[in-house]
Amino acid sequence: MKLSDAIRKRIKKLLKEKNMKLWHLYKRTGIPMSTLSTFMNAKRELLTLKTLLHICEGFEISLSEFFNDSLFDDVEQD
């Protein structure tokens, strides 16, 4: 699986676990909704590390907690 696909799946998983919608993540992080939606709809392949850090802050987790998932065990370079 590509890294960007694994990140999308992890975000979807966290949204479900925390009973959140993408809109809630936007409100918590200030990341433009267009940035979130284009990435989540695979119209954009990459996120900056800074954006991913803000996403983690929105979920109230660290980057290491974000990547601590079996989704990332066999990722391939985009």
Protein backbone atom coordinates (compact mmCIF):
# COMPACT_ATOMS: atom_id res chain seq x y z
CA MET A 1 0.00 0.00 0.00
CA LYS A 2 1.21 3.50 -0.78
CA LEU A 3 2.06 5.75 2.15
CA SER A 4 -0.61 8.31 1.19
CA ASP A 5 -3.28 5.57 1.09
CA ALA A 6 -2.20 4.32 4.52
CA ILE A 7 -2.41 7.86 5.92
CA ARG A 8 -5.92 8.26 4.47
CA LYS A 9 -7.03 4.97 6.00
CA ARG A 10 -5.54 5.93 9.36
CA ILE A 11 -7.34 9.29 9.33
CA LYS A 12 -10.63 7.55 8.46
CA LYS A 13 -10.05 5.05 11.26
CA LEU A 14 -9.37 7.81 13.79
CA LEU A 15 -12.41 9.78 12.63
CA LYS A 16 -14.56 6.72 13.24
CA GLU A 17 -12.94 5.90 16.61
CA LYS A 18 -13.43 9.45 17.83
CA ASN A 19 -16.92 9.74 16.31
CA MET A 20 -15.83 12.73 14.25
CA LYS A 21 -16.49 13.98 10.74
CA LEU A 22 -13.91 15.64 8.54
CA TRP A 23 -15.61 18.96 9.32
CA HIS A 24 -14.80 18.48 13.04
CA LEU A 25 -11.15 17.93 12.15
CA TYR A 26 -11.18 21.14 10.13
CA LYS A 27 -12.68 23.05 13.06
CA ARG A 28 -10.10 21.62 15.51
CA THR A 29 -7.06 22.18 13.31
CA GLY A 30 -7.76 25.19 11.13
CA ILE A 31 -6.50 23.25 8.12
CA PRO A 32 -8.57 24.43 5.17
CA MET A 33 -11.44 22.08 4.42
CA SER A 34 -10.34 22.06 0.78
CA THR A 35 -6.93 20.70 1.79
CA LEU A 36 -8.47 17.96 3.92
CA SER A 37 -11.10 16.96 1.38
CA THR A 38 -8.77 16.92 -1.65
CA PHE A 39 -6.34 14.69 0.23
CA MET A 40 -9.04 12.39 1.58
CA ASN A 41 -10.60 12.10 -1.90
CA ALA A 42 -7.18 11.18 -3.34
CA LYS A 43 -7.10 14.26 -5.57
CA ARG A 44 -3.93 15.23 -3.73
CA GLU A 45 -1.32 12.59 -2.99
CA LEU A 46 0.82 14.21 -0.34
CA LEU A 47 0.45 16.16 2.88
CA THR A 48 3.21 18.15 4.47
CA LEU A 49 4.56 16.92 7.76
CA LYS A 50 3.35 20.18 9.32
CA THR A 51 -0.21 19.47 8.12
CA LEU A 52 -0.03 15.92 9.44
CA LEU A 53 1.17 17.26 12.79
CA HIS A 54 -1.88 19.57 12.93
CA ILE A 55 -4.12 16.61 12.10
CA CYS A 56 -2.58 14.70 15.01
CA GLU A 57 -3.18 17.68 17.28
CA GLY A 58 -6.81 17.69 16.15
CA PHE A 59 -7.09 14.05 17.19
CA GLU A 60 -5.17 14.83 20.40
CA ILE A 61 -2.49 12.25 19.61
CA SER A 62 1.23 12.39 18.84
CA LEU A 63 2.81 11.62 15.49
CA SER A 64 4.20 8.40 16.94
CA GLU A 65 0.69 7.37 18.02
CA PHE A 66 -0.58 8.15 14.52
CA PHE A 67 2.00 5.88 12.89
CA ASN A 68 1.67 3.16 15.55
CA ASP A 69 -0.74 1.11 13.43
CA SER A 70 -0.29 -2.04 11.37
CA LEU A 71 -1.33 -0.05 8.29
CA PHE A 72 2.22 1.29 8.16
CA ASP A 73 4.00 -2.08 8.43
CA ASP A 74 4.36 -2.59 4.67
CA VAL A 75 3.97 0.81 3.05
CA GLU A 76 5.57 1.68 -0.27
CA GLN A 77 6.92 4.99 -1.42
CA ASP A 78 4.39 7.11 -3.32
